[in-house]
Amino acid sequence: MFRVGIIGSENSHAKAFTDIFNASGKYDDIKVVAIYGEEEEASKKISEAYGVPVMKPEEMLDKVDAIMVTSRNGKLHPGYVRPFIEAGKPAFIDKPIANCSKEAEDVIALARAKGVPVMGGSSTKMVEDTLALKAAADAAKAEGKLVGGHAYAPVSMVNDYGNFYFYSSHLAEIALTIFGFDPIAVSATKTATGVAAVLEYEGYAVTLSYTDGAYSYGATVLAKDGATQKPIDIGGCYAAEVAHFVHMLHTGEVPQCDHDIVMPIKVLNAIEKAYTEGGRVVIG
């Protein structure tokens, strides 16, 4: 039996994960046994609905076998997860895994040093529509026909959870999954309805439309012989994310390499710098 603790009850992911593990009957050997969040009422609701005790992160440490950090504010994620990695507990870190790429790199480096499997980021990169668009882009690249693309997703520019960083990882991870985790640079402009950005690759570029107020996801893969355009249905995102987490617990295998885990944060940092300071920002 894997005992899982969740930190971040105010995120919808916390309830979804607890429901899958404790009520669906799909994973009999994994149960959520502890919940905590910055919003006490959110923790209380999950506790009452699923019979999961509320406890502080430090109280969880010797009572869980793995941790899921789902706090809405990515700035808090590194501090929450480090003690569990130090203690050898496998970890899932929700999007974004950190608001700063250096902190993300430090967390992953700690996990590798301790031999602890860690995964995380946006679940939108795992859904069928995103993977279908990735297949179209991969096929076009293999034939030397990929010429560009476009991706769009919601954003929240003003909030209590990191402003741009609260929701922006969804689009960054969708775009990187489809078009590649090897972008070179980005330029961006803050608009009345979000952020417009251009993500440069070797030989092609992808436009990113962050829309504050339009809750829709989708992308277009542009090839010399045509376009593949698809709205992205994220309805199965929680189930996909849980399946990857369960596989990691059972096998110790992580679904992404270190580079691909950290790259979305590098892209977000570069986008923010570009729309704040202006100009083209190289992604280092």
Protein backbone atom coordinates (compact mmCIF):
# COMPACT_ATOMS: atom_id res chain seq x y z
CA MET A 1 0.00 0.00 0.00
CA PHE A 2 1.28 3.43 -0.97
CA ARG A 3 0.17 6.12 1.48
CA VAL A 4 -0.05 9.49 -0.29
CA GLY A 5 -0.12 12.94 1.25
CA ILE A 6 -1.46 15.97 -0.62
CA ILE A 7 -0.29 19.53 0.05
CA GLY A 8 -2.51 22.15 -1.56
CA SER A 9 -6.16 21.38 -0.85
CA GLU A 10 -7.34 24.63 -2.46
CA ASN A 11 -6.44 23.31 -5.91
CA SER A 12 -9.12 21.34 -7.80
CA HIS A 13 -6.47 18.70 -8.46
CA ALA A 14 -6.42 17.75 -4.76
CA LYS A 15 -10.08 16.74 -4.73
CA ALA A 16 -9.79 15.00 -8.11
CA PHE A 17 -6.75 12.96 -7.02
CA THR A 18 -8.33 12.04 -3.68
CA ASP A 19 -11.50 10.94 -5.43
CA ILE A 20 -9.59 8.74 -7.88
CA PHE A 21 -7.45 7.09 -5.20
CA ASN A 22 -10.00 6.81 -2.39
CA ALA A 23 -13.37 6.45 -4.10
CA SER A 24 -13.02 5.17 -7.67
CA GLY A 25 -11.76 1.69 -6.78
CA LYS A 26 -9.27 1.86 -9.64
CA TYR A 27 -6.10 1.84 -7.55
CA ASP A 28 -6.59 -0.38 -4.52
CA ASP A 29 -2.95 -0.20 -3.42
CA ILE A 30 -2.77 3.62 -3.27
CA LYS A 31 -4.67 5.85 -0.85
CA VAL A 32 -4.57 9.50 0.14
CA VAL A 33 -4.04 9.51 3.91
CA ALA A 34 -3.29 13.17 4.66
CA ILE A 35 -4.37 16.56 3.33
CA TYR A 36 -3.15 20.11 3.92
CA GLY A 37 -3.69 23.51 2.32
CA GLU A 38 -3.31 27.22 2.89
CA GLU A 39 -7.11 27.48 2.86
CA GLU A 40 -8.42 25.64 5.91
CA GLU A 41 -11.96 25.34 4.62
CA ALA A 42 -10.79 23.56 1.45
CA SER A 43 -8.89 21.00 3.53
CA LYS A 44 -11.95 20.49 5.74
CA LYS A 45 -14.19 19.77 2.75
CA ILE A 46 -11.88 17.06 1.40
CA SER A 47 -11.38 15.64 4.88
CA GLU A 48 -15.12 15.36 5.49
CA ALA A 49 -15.87 13.98 2.02
CA TYR A 50 -13.22 11.26 2.03
CA GLY A 51 -12.31 10.73 5.67
CA VAL A 52 -8.76 11.97 5.13
CA PRO A 53 -7.08 13.56 8.17
CA VAL A 54 -5.90 17.15 7.93
CA MET A 55 -2.29 17.51 9.03
CA LYS A 56 0.60 19.89 8.55
CA PRO A 57 3.34 18.94 6.06
CA GLU A 58 5.85 18.23 8.83
CA GLU A 59 3.32 15.88 10.45
CA MET A 60 2.91 13.99 7.17
CA LEU A 61 6.58 13.27 6.72
CA ASP A 62 6.72 9.92 8.52
CA LYS A 63 3.11 8.98 7.73
CA VAL A 64 3.23 8.92 3.92
CA ASP A 65 5.14 6.99 1.28
CA ALA A 66 4.75 9.64 -1.44
CA ILE A 67 3.71 13.27 -1.73
CA MET A 68 1.63 15.29 -4.20
CA VAL A 69 2.18 19.06 -4.04
CA THR A 70 -0.81 20.78 -5.62
CA SER A 71 -0.68 24.25 -4.07
CA ARG A 72 -1.95 26.92 -6.46
CA ASN A 73 1.17 29.05 -6.02
CA GLY A 74 4.20 27.55 -7.74
CA LYS A 75 6.47 29.71 -5.59
CA LEU A 76 5.59 27.48 -2.63
CA HIS A 77 6.25 24.16 -4.36
CA PRO A 78 10.03 23.83 -3.82
CA GLY A 79 9.77 24.55 -0.11
CA TYR A 80 6.95 22.06 0.37
CA VAL A 81 8.54 19.21 -1.58
CA ARG A 82 12.19 19.36 -0.45
CA PRO A 83 11.74 17.70 2.97
CA PHE A 84 9.92 14.78 1.35
CA ILE A 85 12.59 14.32 -1.30
CA GLU A 86 15.23 14.49 1.44
CA ALA A 87 13.33 11.71 3.20
CA GLY A 88 13.26 9.57 0.04
CA LYS A 89 9.56 10.02 -0.82
CA PRO A 90 8.54 9.98 -4.51
CA ALA A 91 6.87 13.26 -5.47
CA PHE A 92 4.40 14.77 -7.87
CA ILE A 93 4.68 18.57 -8.18
CA ASP A 94 1.80 20.37 -9.84
CA LYS A 95 2.20 23.12 -12.45
CA PRO A 96 4.40 25.02 -12.38
CA ILE A 97 6.88 22.93 -10.41
CA ALA A 98 8.46 26.28 -9.44
CA ASN A 99 8.19 29.90 -10.55
CA CYS A 100 11.96 30.15 -11.07
CA SER A 101 13.95 27.81 -13.33
CA LYS A 102 16.93 27.79 -10.94
CA GLU A 103 14.71 26.55 -8.11
CA ALA A 104 13.21 23.93 -10.42
CA GLU A 105 16.71 22.74 -11.37
CA ASP A 106 17.71 22.59 -7.70
CA VAL A 107 14.67 20.45 -6.82
CA ILE A 108 15.34 18.02 -9.66
CA ALA A 109 19.05 17.89 -8.79
CA LEU A 110 18.17 17.05 -5.19
CA ALA A 111 15.81 14.30 -6.35
CA ARG A 112 18.46 12.76 -8.56
CA ALA A 113 21.08 12.98 -5.80
CA LYS A 114 18.71 11.18 -3.43
CA GLY A 115 17.58 8.68 -6.06
CA VAL A 116 13.97 9.81 -5.68
CA PRO A 117 11.57 9.77 -8.68
CA VAL A 118 9.87 13.12 -9.24
CA MET A 119 7.34 14.16 -11.88
CA GLY A 120 5.01 17.06 -12.38
CA GLY A 121 3.87 20.06 -14.37
CA SER A 122 0.70 20.47 -16.38
CA SER A 123 -1.57 17.52 -17.06
CA THR A 124 -2.66 19.13 -20.35
CA LYS A 125 0.46 17.79 -22.04
CA MET A 126 -0.75 14.23 -21.43
CA VAL A 127 -4.23 14.31 -22.97
CA GLU A 128 -5.04 12.57 -26.27
CA ASP A 129 -5.52 15.71 -28.35
CA THR A 130 -2.14 17.14 -27.34
CA LEU A 131 -0.46 13.85 -28.17
CA ALA A 132 -2.25 13.68 -31.54
CA LEU A 133 -0.93 17.15 -32.41
CA LYS A 134 2.54 16.07 -31.28
CA ALA A 135 2.33 13.09 -33.64
CA ALA A 136 1.42 15.43 -36.51
CA ALA A 137 4.34 17.74 -35.72
CA ASP A 138 6.76 14.83 -35.33
CA ALA A 139 5.70 13.44 -38.71
CA ALA A 140 6.13 16.82 -40.40
CA LYS A 141 9.58 17.28 -38.81
CA ALA A 142 10.67 13.82 -39.89
CA GLU A 143 9.82 14.73 -43.50
CA GLY A 144 11.36 18.21 -43.28
CA LYS A 145 7.94 19.80 -43.76
CA LEU A 146 7.25 21.54 -40.44
CA VAL A 147 7.11 25.32 -40.97
CA GLY A 148 5.45 26.60 -37.79
CA GLY A 149 2.43 26.47 -35.59
CA HIS A 150 0.11 28.13 -33.12
CA ALA A 151 -1.15 27.18 -29.67
CA TYR A 152 -3.60 28.86 -27.33
CA ALA A 153 -4.78 28.42 -23.75
CA PRO A 154 -6.21 30.45 -20.86
CA VAL A 155 -4.16 32.63 -18.53
CA SER A 156 -4.85 34.62 -15.37
CA MET A 157 -2.69 37.73 -15.20
CA VAL A 158 -3.85 39.03 -11.81
CA ASN A 159 -4.44 36.66 -8.89
CA ASP A 160 -3.10 35.69 -5.46
CA TYR A 161 -1.10 32.71 -6.75
CA GLY A 162 1.78 34.16 -8.74
CA ASN A 163 -0.13 36.17 -11.38
CA PHE A 164 1.18 35.09 -14.84
CA TYR A 165 2.72 31.91 -13.37
CA PHE A 166 -0.52 30.61 -11.87
CA TYR A 167 -1.93 29.28 -15.15
CA SER A 168 0.67 29.89 -17.83
CA SER A 169 2.41 26.52 -17.58
CA HIS A 170 -0.49 24.82 -19.36
CA LEU A 171 0.21 26.53 -22.67
CA ALA A 172 3.98 26.34 -22.36
CA GLU A 173 3.86 22.59 -21.76
CA ILE A 174 1.30 21.97 -24.51
CA ALA A 175 3.47 23.87 -27.02
CA LEU A 176 6.70 22.19 -25.95
CA THR A 177 5.12 18.74 -26.07
CA ILE A 178 3.80 19.31 -29.59
CA PHE A 179 6.67 21.26 -31.16
CA GLY A 180 9.69 20.20 -29.12
CA PHE A 181 11.51 20.91 -25.87
CA ASP A 182 14.39 22.66 -27.66
CA PRO A 183 13.26 26.28 -28.25
CA ILE A 184 15.94 28.90 -28.83
CA ALA A 185 14.35 32.22 -27.88
CA VAL A 186 11.09 34.03 -27.28
CA SER A 187 9.59 37.46 -27.80
CA ALA A 188 6.35 38.53 -26.14
CA THR A 189 3.92 41.39 -25.69
CA LYS A 190 1.43 41.94 -22.92
CA THR A 191 -1.99 42.66 -24.42
CA ALA A 192 -5.37 43.81 -23.11
CA THR A 193 -6.47 40.18 -22.95
CA GLY A 194 -3.29 38.35 -21.91
CA VAL A 195 0.04 37.73 -23.62
CA ALA A 196 1.05 37.14 -27.23
CA ALA A 197 4.38 35.37 -27.68
CA VAL A 198 6.54 33.91 -30.43
CA LEU A 199 8.56 30.83 -29.52
CA GLU A 200 11.53 30.39 -31.85
CA TYR A 201 12.95 27.02 -32.89
CA GLU A 202 15.70 26.12 -35.32
CA GLY A 203 13.95 26.51 -38.66
CA TYR A 204 10.44 27.45 -37.53
CA ALA A 205 8.47 29.47 -34.96
CA VAL A 206 5.32 28.92 -32.94
CA THR A 207 2.95 31.68 -31.83
CA LEU A 208 1.43 31.40 -28.35
CA SER A 209 -1.85 33.10 -27.46
CA TYR A 210 -2.43 33.44 -23.72
CA THR A 211 -6.06 34.53 -23.32
CA ASP A 212 -7.41 35.94 -20.07
CA GLY A 213 -11.15 35.38 -20.20
CA ALA A 214 -11.47 32.71 -22.91
CA TYR A 215 -11.32 29.24 -21.40
CA SER A 216 -10.30 27.17 -24.41
CA TYR A 217 -7.30 25.15 -25.53
CA GLY A 218 -6.06 24.21 -28.96
CA ALA A 219 -3.21 24.20 -31.45
CA THR A 220 -2.35 24.16 -35.14
CA VAL A 221 0.59 22.35 -36.71
CA LEU A 222 1.64 24.03 -39.97
CA ALA A 223 3.39 21.87 -42.56
CA LYS A 224 4.36 22.51 -46.17
CA ASP A 225 1.60 20.20 -47.36
CA GLY A 226 -1.16 21.38 -45.04
CA ALA A 227 -2.25 22.11 -41.49
CA THR A 228 -3.45 19.97 -38.60
CA GLN A 229 -5.76 22.01 -36.42
CA LYS A 230 -7.44 20.70 -33.29
CA PRO A 231 -9.12 22.01 -30.15
CA ILE A 232 -7.65 20.29 -27.10
CA ASP A 233 -10.11 18.58 -24.77
CA ILE A 234 -8.51 18.49 -21.31
CA GLY A 235 -11.35 16.50 -19.75
CA GLY A 236 -9.19 13.43 -19.17
CA CYS A 237 -6.21 15.29 -17.75
CA TYR A 238 -6.52 14.16 -14.13
CA ALA A 239 -6.87 10.49 -15.05
CA ALA A 240 -3.84 10.71 -17.35
CA GLU A 241 -1.74 12.44 -14.71
CA VAL A 242 -2.69 9.89 -12.06
CA ALA A 243 -1.86 7.00 -14.40
CA HIS A 244 1.66 8.40 -14.88
CA PHE A 245 2.06 8.96 -11.13
CA VAL A 246 0.94 5.41 -10.34
CA HIS A 247 3.36 4.01 -12.91
CA MET A 248 6.16 6.03 -11.31
CA LEU A 249 5.29 4.72 -7.84
CA HIS A 250 5.21 1.12 -9.05
CA THR A 251 8.34 1.22 -11.21
CA GLY A 252 10.42 4.22 -10.16
CA GLU A 253 10.39 5.37 -13.81
CA VAL A 254 9.74 9.08 -14.45
CA PRO A 255 7.66 10.13 -17.48
CA GLN A 256 10.02 12.97 -18.48
CA CYS A 257 13.73 13.61 -18.49
CA ASP A 258 15.18 16.36 -16.26
CA HIS A 259 15.60 18.76 -19.19
CA ASP A 260 11.95 18.47 -20.21
CA ILE A 261 10.71 18.96 -16.64
CA VAL A 262 12.61 22.23 -16.24
CA MET A 263 12.25 23.68 -19.76
CA PRO A 264 8.67 24.97 -19.29
CA ILE A 265 9.85 27.14 -16.38
CA LYS A 266 12.70 28.50 -18.49
CA VAL A 267 10.20 29.38 -21.20
CA LEU A 268 7.86 31.09 -18.72
CA ASN A 269 10.73 33.08 -17.21
CA ALA A 270 11.79 34.16 -20.70
CA ILE A 271 8.23 35.14 -21.71
CA GLU A 272 7.79 37.24 -18.58
CA LYS A 273 11.12 38.97 -19.17
CA ALA A 274 10.23 39.59 -22.81
CA TYR A 275 6.85 41.21 -22.17
CA THR A 276 8.20 43.14 -19.17
CA GLU A 277 11.47 44.44 -20.61
CA GLY A 278 10.84 44.09 -24.32
CA GLY A 279 12.99 42.50 -26.99
CA ARG A 280 14.00 38.96 -27.84
CA VAL A 281 15.04 36.75 -24.90
CA VAL A 282 17.33 33.78 -25.47
CA ILE A 283 16.23 30.70 -23.53
CA GLY A 284 19.26 29.54 -21.56
